[in-house]
Amino acid sequence: MTGRQWQPPRLRLFEAAHRRATWLELLYDLVFVVAVAELAAVYAAGSLLVFAGLFVPVWWAWAGYVFYANRFDTDDVSHRLLALPQILAVATMAASAGDIEHRSGLFAASYAVARLLLVVAYVRAGRHVPEARPLTTRYAIGFSVAIAVWLASLAVDPPQRYALWAVAVVIDLATPLFTRGHQGRLPPQTEHLPERFGLFVVIVLGEVVAAVVLGLKGHDVTPGVLLVALAGVAIAMGFWWLYFGHLDESVVLRTRLAGQVWVYSHLPLSLGLVAFGVGIEHAITHPSGTSASVGVPAALVLAMLGVQHLCSRDRRAGAVRLLAAALALAASLLPVAAALPVLLLLAAAQVTYDVLRPLPERDPSPERDPSPGQDPAPERDPAPEEAA
């Protein structure tokens, strides 16, 4: 092996080269396409609570690798040997999700393995990057505690097992929040991180299209059914436009809390998009049913888009999104035949508003990273807490 094939972790944050997703990261995303599809099938079967409960650790497993790669990715042999087994662990989680009642132990063990590999990566990064050691050490400790709880859950049966999962997830999610004081010195790369989160949004938007296809396959394609399907896809396209039309790279460094809120808002945003797709499938197969399965997820998506605008200090657009979310929630009380046109009109109106309004001015000050070892400017925020 050459020296370039075997490299120690290095801090990537302050390199001049423009960062983009690597082929390994795209491969890593591929397994989550399958995982999200399996979770959507769980929700389609009527298990909303199970769907939401499993979606959180799946999304957190994805986000954890994203944040590690954002800071320390070298894409060498050693990095791949730690990342590829994580893909296998997530694939096992996906295979367990559809029959969680009988495979909950396998799901927990697989998640623990994925997280353990990430902890090993952080320990290794701390060894080779001294300035990152305070941060990596705290991540390793917090995530190790969560792993211990996941493994301890194997000793008990459901529903006690699920209660331990909830405790472990809280520890996982909270660990980055308790390391904020060390993150300001190691802020994320602003061009790489939004791209990675955007790619996951593409994954969950794809689930909307897949749900429409599944609905049409299992139902006679009448004009009414076709209109429901087309409306669902058109609304999803509106969500795509609204999200990617406002992909503010500087938001991850903008204020003390805004970066972290922006990161964490992607969890309910992604969950809402998947749920919306399943709701459209349900509307195709049961056109006379309730519209809550599409209206509530649409309201959640619009609300999270509004929160993201607020994180970027775009208060007017944020208020418009939140108002649309309230109207979408009200539309969930209507029959499907009435609710879908309302949701489509809301999405179209939001897109029109974005197209016609003047672009908000960006504050250039947060987009400039400090040099290695230099404390960030006082107004800069600690890096959004990562889902390690």
Protein backbone atom coordinates (compact mmCIF):
# COMPACT_ATOMS: atom_id res chain seq x y z
CA MET A 1 0.00 0.00 0.00
CA THR A 2 1.17 3.50 -0.73
CA GLY A 3 1.27 6.27 1.80
CA ARG A 4 -1.71 7.90 0.11
CA GLN A 5 -3.79 4.74 0.53
CA TRP A 6 -3.15 4.62 4.28
CA GLN A 7 -3.54 8.00 5.97
CA PRO A 8 -4.30 9.07 9.52
CA PRO A 9 -7.41 11.21 10.05
CA ARG A 10 -6.79 14.90 9.44
CA LEU A 11 -8.81 18.00 10.03
CA ARG A 12 -10.54 18.91 6.76
CA LEU A 13 -12.27 22.09 7.89
CA PHE A 14 -9.72 24.67 6.88
CA GLU A 15 -8.53 23.22 3.59
CA ALA A 16 -8.87 25.50 0.59
CA ALA A 17 -10.18 22.76 -1.71
CA HIS A 18 -13.92 22.80 -2.40
CA ARG A 19 -15.50 19.81 -0.64
CA ARG A 20 -18.07 17.63 -2.32
CA ALA A 21 -19.59 14.28 -1.41
CA THR A 22 -17.25 11.37 -2.10
CA TRP A 23 -18.20 8.15 -3.85
CA LEU A 24 -18.05 6.43 -0.47
CA GLU A 25 -20.54 8.89 0.98
CA LEU A 26 -22.90 8.28 -1.94
CA LEU A 27 -22.59 4.54 -1.36
CA TYR A 28 -23.34 5.14 2.30
CA ASP A 29 -26.49 7.03 1.30
CA LEU A 30 -27.62 4.15 -0.88
CA VAL A 31 -28.30 1.85 2.05
CA PHE A 32 -30.49 4.54 3.58
CA VAL A 33 -32.65 4.52 0.46
CA VAL A 34 -33.51 0.95 1.40
CA ALA A 35 -33.85 1.76 5.10
CA VAL A 36 -36.25 4.63 4.43
CA ALA A 37 -38.32 2.40 2.12
CA GLU A 38 -38.58 -0.22 4.85
CA LEU A 39 -39.64 2.38 7.39
CA ALA A 40 -42.24 3.74 4.97
CA ALA A 41 -43.65 0.21 4.67
CA VAL A 42 -43.90 0.07 8.47
CA TYR A 43 -45.94 3.28 8.46
CA ALA A 44 -48.06 2.11 5.54
CA ALA A 45 -48.98 -0.93 7.62
CA GLY A 46 -50.49 1.43 10.17
CA SER A 47 -47.70 1.66 12.76
CA LEU A 48 -47.13 5.41 13.06
CA LEU A 49 -45.50 5.23 16.50
CA VAL A 50 -43.21 2.40 15.44
CA PHE A 51 -42.32 4.24 12.24
CA ALA A 52 -41.37 7.41 14.12
CA GLY A 53 -39.52 5.49 16.83
CA LEU A 54 -37.37 3.63 14.30
CA PHE A 55 -36.86 6.60 12.01
CA VAL A 56 -34.97 8.57 14.68
CA PRO A 57 -32.07 6.09 15.18
CA VAL A 58 -31.88 5.43 11.44
CA TRP A 59 -31.57 9.14 10.70
CA TRP A 60 -29.13 9.61 13.57
CA ALA A 61 -26.92 6.80 12.25
CA TRP A 62 -26.79 8.61 8.90
CA ALA A 63 -26.15 12.02 10.44
CA GLY A 64 -23.39 10.69 12.70
CA TYR A 65 -21.29 9.54 9.78
CA VAL A 66 -22.00 12.79 7.91
CA PHE A 67 -20.57 14.94 10.68
CA TYR A 68 -17.52 12.75 11.18
CA ALA A 69 -16.78 12.80 7.45
CA ASN A 70 -17.31 16.55 7.33
CA ARG A 71 -14.43 17.06 9.76
CA PHE A 72 -12.11 14.08 9.33
CA ASP A 73 -12.83 12.21 6.08
CA THR A 74 -9.68 11.07 4.27
CA ASP A 75 -11.34 8.39 2.10
CA ASP A 76 -8.28 6.20 2.53
CA VAL A 77 -8.22 2.47 3.26
CA SER A 78 -8.52 2.87 7.02
CA HIS A 79 -11.48 5.22 6.70
CA ARG A 80 -13.24 2.84 4.34
CA LEU A 81 -12.62 -0.11 6.65
CA LEU A 82 -14.52 1.77 9.36
CA ALA A 83 -17.27 3.11 7.08
CA LEU A 84 -18.15 0.03 5.03
CA PRO A 85 -19.06 -2.13 8.07
CA GLN A 86 -21.36 0.70 9.16
CA ILE A 87 -23.20 0.25 5.86
CA LEU A 88 -23.66 -3.44 6.64
CA ALA A 89 -24.94 -2.60 10.12
CA VAL A 90 -27.48 -0.13 8.73
CA ALA A 91 -28.57 -2.69 6.14
CA THR A 92 -29.24 -5.10 9.01
CA MET A 93 -31.25 -2.40 10.77
CA ALA A 94 -33.31 -1.98 7.62
CA ALA A 95 -33.89 -5.72 7.37
CA SER A 96 -35.08 -5.74 11.00
CA ALA A 97 -37.45 -2.79 10.79
CA GLY A 98 -40.24 -4.57 8.93
CA ASP A 99 -40.61 -7.21 11.66
CA ILE A 100 -39.49 -5.24 14.68
CA GLU A 101 -41.69 -7.25 17.04
CA HIS A 102 -39.53 -10.34 16.45
CA ARG A 103 -36.26 -8.66 15.39
CA SER A 104 -35.95 -5.83 17.90
CA GLY A 105 -32.83 -7.44 19.36
CA LEU A 106 -31.18 -7.55 15.94
CA PHE A 107 -32.11 -3.92 15.31
CA ALA A 108 -30.60 -2.80 18.62
CA ALA A 109 -27.42 -4.83 18.13
CA SER A 110 -26.98 -3.53 14.58
CA TYR A 111 -27.40 0.07 15.66
CA ALA A 112 -24.93 -0.45 18.51
CA VAL A 113 -22.37 -1.84 16.04
CA ALA A 114 -22.78 1.14 13.70
CA ARG A 115 -22.31 3.56 16.59
CA LEU A 116 -19.37 1.63 18.02
CA LEU A 117 -17.55 1.89 14.70
CA LEU A 118 -18.17 5.64 14.76
CA VAL A 119 -16.79 5.88 18.29
CA VAL A 120 -13.64 4.04 17.15
CA ALA A 121 -13.30 6.54 14.31
CA TYR A 122 -13.59 9.47 16.75
CA VAL A 123 -11.05 7.98 19.14
CA ARG A 124 -8.66 7.51 16.25
CA ALA A 125 -9.27 11.07 15.04
CA GLY A 126 -8.57 12.42 18.53
CA ARG A 127 -5.29 10.55 18.63
CA HIS A 128 -4.06 12.02 15.33
CA VAL A 129 -5.62 15.49 15.58
CA PRO A 130 -4.72 16.94 19.00
CA GLU A 131 -6.77 20.12 18.56
CA ALA A 132 -9.87 17.97 18.04
CA ARG A 133 -9.26 15.75 21.07
CA PRO A 134 -11.50 17.65 23.56
CA LEU A 135 -14.42 17.31 21.15
CA THR A 136 -13.80 13.74 20.01
CA THR A 137 -13.28 12.54 23.58
CA ARG A 138 -16.64 13.91 24.69
CA TYR A 139 -18.36 12.43 21.68
CA ALA A 140 -16.77 9.07 22.32
CA ILE A 141 -17.87 9.09 25.96
CA GLY A 142 -21.44 10.22 25.32
CA PHE A 143 -22.02 7.87 22.42
CA SER A 144 -20.43 4.97 24.33
CA VAL A 145 -22.90 5.50 27.17
CA ALA A 146 -25.75 5.38 24.66
CA ILE A 147 -24.30 2.21 23.11
CA ALA A 148 -24.19 0.60 26.57
CA VAL A 149 -27.88 1.36 27.05
CA TRP A 150 -28.72 -0.09 23.63
CA LEU A 151 -26.85 -3.27 24.51
CA ALA A 152 -28.44 -3.40 27.97
CA SER A 153 -31.85 -3.36 26.25
CA LEU A 154 -31.06 -6.82 24.89
CA ALA A 155 -31.39 -8.19 28.42
CA VAL A 156 -35.08 -7.26 28.69
CA ASP A 157 -38.14 -7.89 26.56
CA PRO A 158 -40.45 -5.34 24.94
CA PRO A 159 -41.97 -2.97 25.97
CA GLN A 160 -39.20 -2.41 28.57
CA ARG A 161 -36.68 -2.75 25.74
CA TYR A 162 -38.23 0.16 23.88
CA ALA A 163 -38.11 2.32 27.00
CA LEU A 164 -34.34 1.77 27.15
CA TRP A 165 -34.11 2.63 23.46
CA ALA A 166 -35.79 5.95 24.19
CA VAL A 167 -33.27 6.67 26.95
CA ALA A 168 -30.38 5.78 24.65
CA VAL A 169 -31.70 7.98 21.84
CA VAL A 170 -32.02 10.94 24.22
CA ILE A 171 -28.39 10.44 25.29
CA ASP A 172 -27.30 10.21 21.66
CA LEU A 173 -29.17 13.35 20.63
CA ALA A 174 -28.13 15.31 23.71
CA THR A 175 -24.40 14.50 23.60
CA PRO A 176 -23.57 17.09 20.92
CA LEU A 177 -25.56 19.71 22.80
CA PHE A 178 -23.25 19.35 25.80
CA THR A 179 -20.12 19.84 23.70
CA ARG A 180 -21.01 23.22 22.26
CA GLY A 181 -18.11 24.95 23.97
CA HIS A 182 -15.65 22.85 21.95
CA GLN A 183 -17.37 23.05 18.61
CA GLY A 184 -16.75 26.70 17.86
CA ARG A 185 -13.07 25.89 17.29
CA LEU A 186 -13.99 23.16 14.82
CA PRO A 187 -16.93 24.49 12.79
CA PRO A 188 -18.29 22.34 9.95
CA GLN A 189 -17.41 22.93 6.33
CA THR A 190 -20.17 25.10 4.97
CA GLU A 191 -20.20 23.78 1.40
CA HIS A 192 -20.04 20.09 2.31
CA LEU A 193 -22.57 19.85 5.14
CA PRO A 194 -25.61 21.41 3.39
CA GLU A 195 -24.91 19.25 0.35
CA ARG A 196 -25.01 16.09 2.48
CA PHE A 197 -28.26 17.07 4.17
CA GLY A 198 -29.71 18.01 0.80
CA LEU A 199 -28.89 14.56 -0.53
CA PHE A 200 -30.87 12.96 2.29
CA VAL A 201 -33.81 15.22 1.47
CA VAL A 202 -33.60 13.90 -2.10
CA ILE A 203 -33.73 10.35 -0.71
CA VAL A 204 -36.93 10.97 1.24
CA LEU A 205 -38.50 12.91 -1.64
CA GLY A 206 -37.85 9.86 -3.78
CA GLU A 207 -39.95 7.89 -1.34
CA VAL A 208 -42.93 10.08 -2.26
CA VAL A 209 -42.56 9.06 -5.91
CA ALA A 210 -42.12 5.41 -4.90
CA ALA A 211 -45.27 5.57 -2.77
CA VAL A 212 -47.26 6.98 -5.70
CA VAL A 213 -46.02 4.17 -7.96
CA LEU A 214 -46.98 1.55 -5.35
CA GLY A 215 -50.41 3.11 -4.97
CA LEU A 216 -51.06 3.09 -8.72
CA LYS A 217 -49.84 -0.50 -9.07
CA GLY A 218 -52.41 -1.71 -6.57
CA HIS A 219 -55.37 0.29 -7.83
CA ASP A 220 -57.32 0.84 -11.01
CA VAL A 221 -56.03 3.99 -12.69
CA THR A 222 -59.18 6.05 -13.04
CA PRO A 223 -59.06 9.79 -13.83
CA GLY A 224 -59.74 10.60 -10.17
CA VAL A 225 -56.99 8.31 -8.92
CA LEU A 226 -54.56 9.72 -11.48
CA LEU A 227 -55.34 13.26 -10.33
CA VAL A 228 -54.60 12.30 -6.72
CA ALA A 229 -51.29 10.76 -7.75
CA LEU A 230 -50.27 13.73 -9.88
CA ALA A 231 -51.24 16.16 -7.14
CA GLY A 232 -49.09 14.24 -4.65
CA VAL A 233 -46.04 14.32 -6.91
CA ALA A 234 -46.62 18.01 -7.73
CA ILE A 235 -46.79 18.91 -4.03
CA ALA A 236 -43.58 16.96 -3.43
CA MET A 237 -41.96 18.92 -6.27
CA GLY A 238 -43.08 22.08 -4.52
CA PHE A 239 -41.38 20.92 -1.32
CA TRP A 240 -38.23 20.25 -3.35
CA TRP A 241 -38.33 23.75 -4.81
CA LEU A 242 -38.88 25.36 -1.42
CA TYR A 243 -36.04 23.45 0.24
CA PHE A 244 -33.37 23.72 -2.44
CA GLY A 245 -34.34 27.25 -3.35
CA HIS A 246 -33.20 28.19 0.13
CA LEU A 247 -30.11 26.11 0.83
CA ASP A 248 -28.16 28.66 2.87
CA GLU A 249 -24.66 27.27 3.35
CA SER A 250 -23.72 29.90 5.91
CA VAL A 251 -26.55 28.96 8.28
CA VAL A 252 -24.46 26.26 9.93
CA LEU A 253 -22.24 29.00 11.37
CA ARG A 254 -24.76 31.78 11.75
CA THR A 255 -25.70 32.19 15.42
CA ARG A 256 -25.36 30.48 18.77
CA LEU A 257 -28.38 28.22 18.27
CA ALA A 258 -29.43 28.61 14.64
CA GLY A 259 -26.90 26.14 13.24
CA GLN A 260 -27.94 23.40 15.61
CA VAL A 261 -31.65 24.07 15.08
CA TRP A 262 -31.08 23.91 11.32
CA VAL A 263 -29.41 20.51 11.66
CA TYR A 264 -31.97 18.99 14.00
CA SER A 265 -34.90 20.37 11.99
CA HIS A 266 -34.00 17.90 9.24
CA LEU A 267 -35.19 15.04 11.42
CA PRO A 268 -38.88 16.07 11.53
CA LEU A 269 -38.58 17.44 7.98
CA SER A 270 -37.42 14.08 6.63
CA LEU A 271 -39.95 12.19 8.73
CA GLY A 272 -42.72 14.44 7.42
CA LEU A 273 -41.71 13.92 3.79
CA VAL A 274 -41.76 10.14 4.14
CA ALA A 275 -45.10 10.27 5.96
CA PHE A 276 -46.51 12.51 3.22
CA GLY A 277 -45.56 9.94 0.58
CA VAL A 278 -47.28 7.18 2.50
CA GLY A 279 -50.29 9.45 2.93
CA ILE A 280 -50.53 9.97 -0.83
CA GLU A 281 -50.37 6.21 -1.35
CA HIS A 282 -53.21 5.85 1.15
CA ALA A 283 -55.18 8.59 -0.62
CA ILE A 284 -54.81 6.72 -3.93
CA THR A 285 -56.06 3.45 -2.51
CA HIS A 286 -58.72 5.03 -0.23
CA PRO A 287 -59.79 8.27 -1.98
CA SER A 288 -62.82 8.64 0.28
CA GLY A 289 -60.77 8.44 3.47
CA THR A 290 -59.50 11.14 5.78
CA SER A 291 -56.92 13.65 4.59
CA ALA A 292 -55.03 13.82 7.89
CA SER A 293 -52.44 11.40 6.52
CA VAL A 294 -51.41 14.02 3.94
CA GLY A 295 -52.35 17.28 5.62
CA VAL A 296 -50.51 16.73 8.90
CA PRO A 297 -47.20 15.64 7.26
CA ALA A 298 -47.43 18.54 4.80
CA ALA A 299 -47.94 20.94 7.70
CA LEU A 300 -44.89 19.47 9.45
CA VAL A 301 -42.74 19.87 6.33
CA LEU A 302 -43.82 23.49 5.82
CA ALA A 303 -43.28 24.28 9.50
CA MET A 304 -39.71 22.92 9.39
CA LEU A 305 -39.00 24.87 6.21
CA GLY A 306 -40.20 27.95 8.07
CA VAL A 307 -37.90 27.19 10.99
CA GLN A 308 -34.98 26.88 8.58
CA HIS A 309 -35.78 30.30 7.13
CA LEU A 310 -35.80 31.73 10.65
CA CYS A 311 -32.39 30.15 11.24
CA SER A 312 -31.17 32.12 8.23
CA ARG A 313 -32.65 35.35 9.66
CA ASP A 314 -35.22 35.45 6.86
CA ARG A 315 -38.15 36.24 9.15
CA ARG A 316 -40.63 37.20 6.46
CA ALA A 317 -40.24 33.96 4.51
CA GLY A 318 -40.23 32.01 7.78
CA ALA A 319 -43.56 33.58 8.76
CA VAL A 320 -45.02 32.80 5.32
CA ARG A 321 -43.97 29.14 5.66
CA LEU A 322 -45.42 28.88 9.16
CA LEU A 323 -48.70 30.41 8.00
CA ALA A 324 -48.84 27.88 5.17
CA ALA A 325 -48.18 25.12 7.71
CA ALA A 326 -51.18 26.27 9.76
CA LEU A 327 -53.38 26.30 6.66
CA ALA A 328 -52.16 22.82 5.67
CA LEU A 329 -53.04 21.56 9.14
CA ALA A 330 -56.51 23.04 8.78
CA ALA A 331 -56.84 21.35 5.38
CA SER A 332 -56.29 17.98 7.05
CA LEU A 333 -59.86 18.29 8.36
CA LEU A 334 -61.25 18.30 4.81
CA PRO A 335 -61.97 15.28 2.61
CA VAL A 336 -59.07 14.14 0.45
CA ALA A 337 -60.69 15.50 -2.72
CA ALA A 338 -60.76 18.98 -1.17
CA ALA A 339 -57.54 18.84 0.87
CA LEU A 340 -55.18 17.96 -1.99
CA PRO A 341 -56.11 21.00 -4.13
CA VAL A 342 -55.62 23.20 -1.07
CA LEU A 343 -52.18 21.70 -0.40
CA LEU A 344 -51.25 22.03 -4.06
CA LEU A 345 -52.36 25.66 -4.04
CA LEU A 346 -50.33 26.31 -0.88
CA ALA A 347 -47.21 24.77 -2.41
CA ALA A 348 -47.67 26.72 -5.66
CA ALA A 349 -48.24 29.96 -3.76
CA GLN A 350 -45.08 29.40 -1.73
CA VAL A 351 -43.02 28.76 -4.85
CA THR A 352 -44.51 31.84 -6.53
CA TYR A 353 -43.67 33.93 -3.49
CA ASP A 354 -40.06 32.74 -3.60
CA VAL A 355 -39.76 33.42 -7.33
CA LEU A 356 -41.17 36.93 -7.18
CA ARG A 357 -39.66 38.27 -3.96
CA PRO A 358 -36.24 39.92 -3.92
CA LEU A 359 -33.48 37.64 -2.69
CA PRO A 360 -32.60 38.35 0.95
CA GLU A 361 -29.14 39.71 1.55
CA ARG A 362 -26.71 37.21 3.03
CA ASP A 363 -24.59 38.15 6.00
CA PRO A 364 -21.07 37.36 4.80
CA SER A 365 -19.42 37.42 8.21
CA PRO A 366 -20.35 33.87 9.33
CA GLU A 367 -19.11 32.30 6.11
CA ARG A 368 -15.48 32.81 6.88
CA ASP A 369 -13.79 30.08 8.90
CA PRO A 370 -11.14 30.82 11.50
CA SER A 371 -7.68 29.49 10.95
CA PRO A 372 -6.75 26.21 12.70
CA GLY A 373 -6.42 26.65 16.43
CA GLN A 374 -7.90 30.13 16.39
CA ASP A 375 -10.99 30.83 18.44
CA PRO A 376 -13.99 31.89 16.37
CA ALA A 377 -15.24 35.41 16.47
CA PRO A 378 -17.54 36.03 19.44
CA GLU A 379 -20.64 36.26 17.29
CA ARG A 380 -19.99 32.97 15.55
CA ASP A 381 -21.80 29.96 16.75
CA PRO A 382 -20.45 26.70 17.89
CA ALA A 383 -20.84 24.25 15.05
CA PRO A 384 -24.27 22.72 14.74
CA GLU A 385 -24.25 19.73 16.84
CA GLU A 386 -23.65 16.81 15.05
CA ALA A 387 -25.16 13.64 14.91
CA ALA A 388 -22.07 11.79 15.49
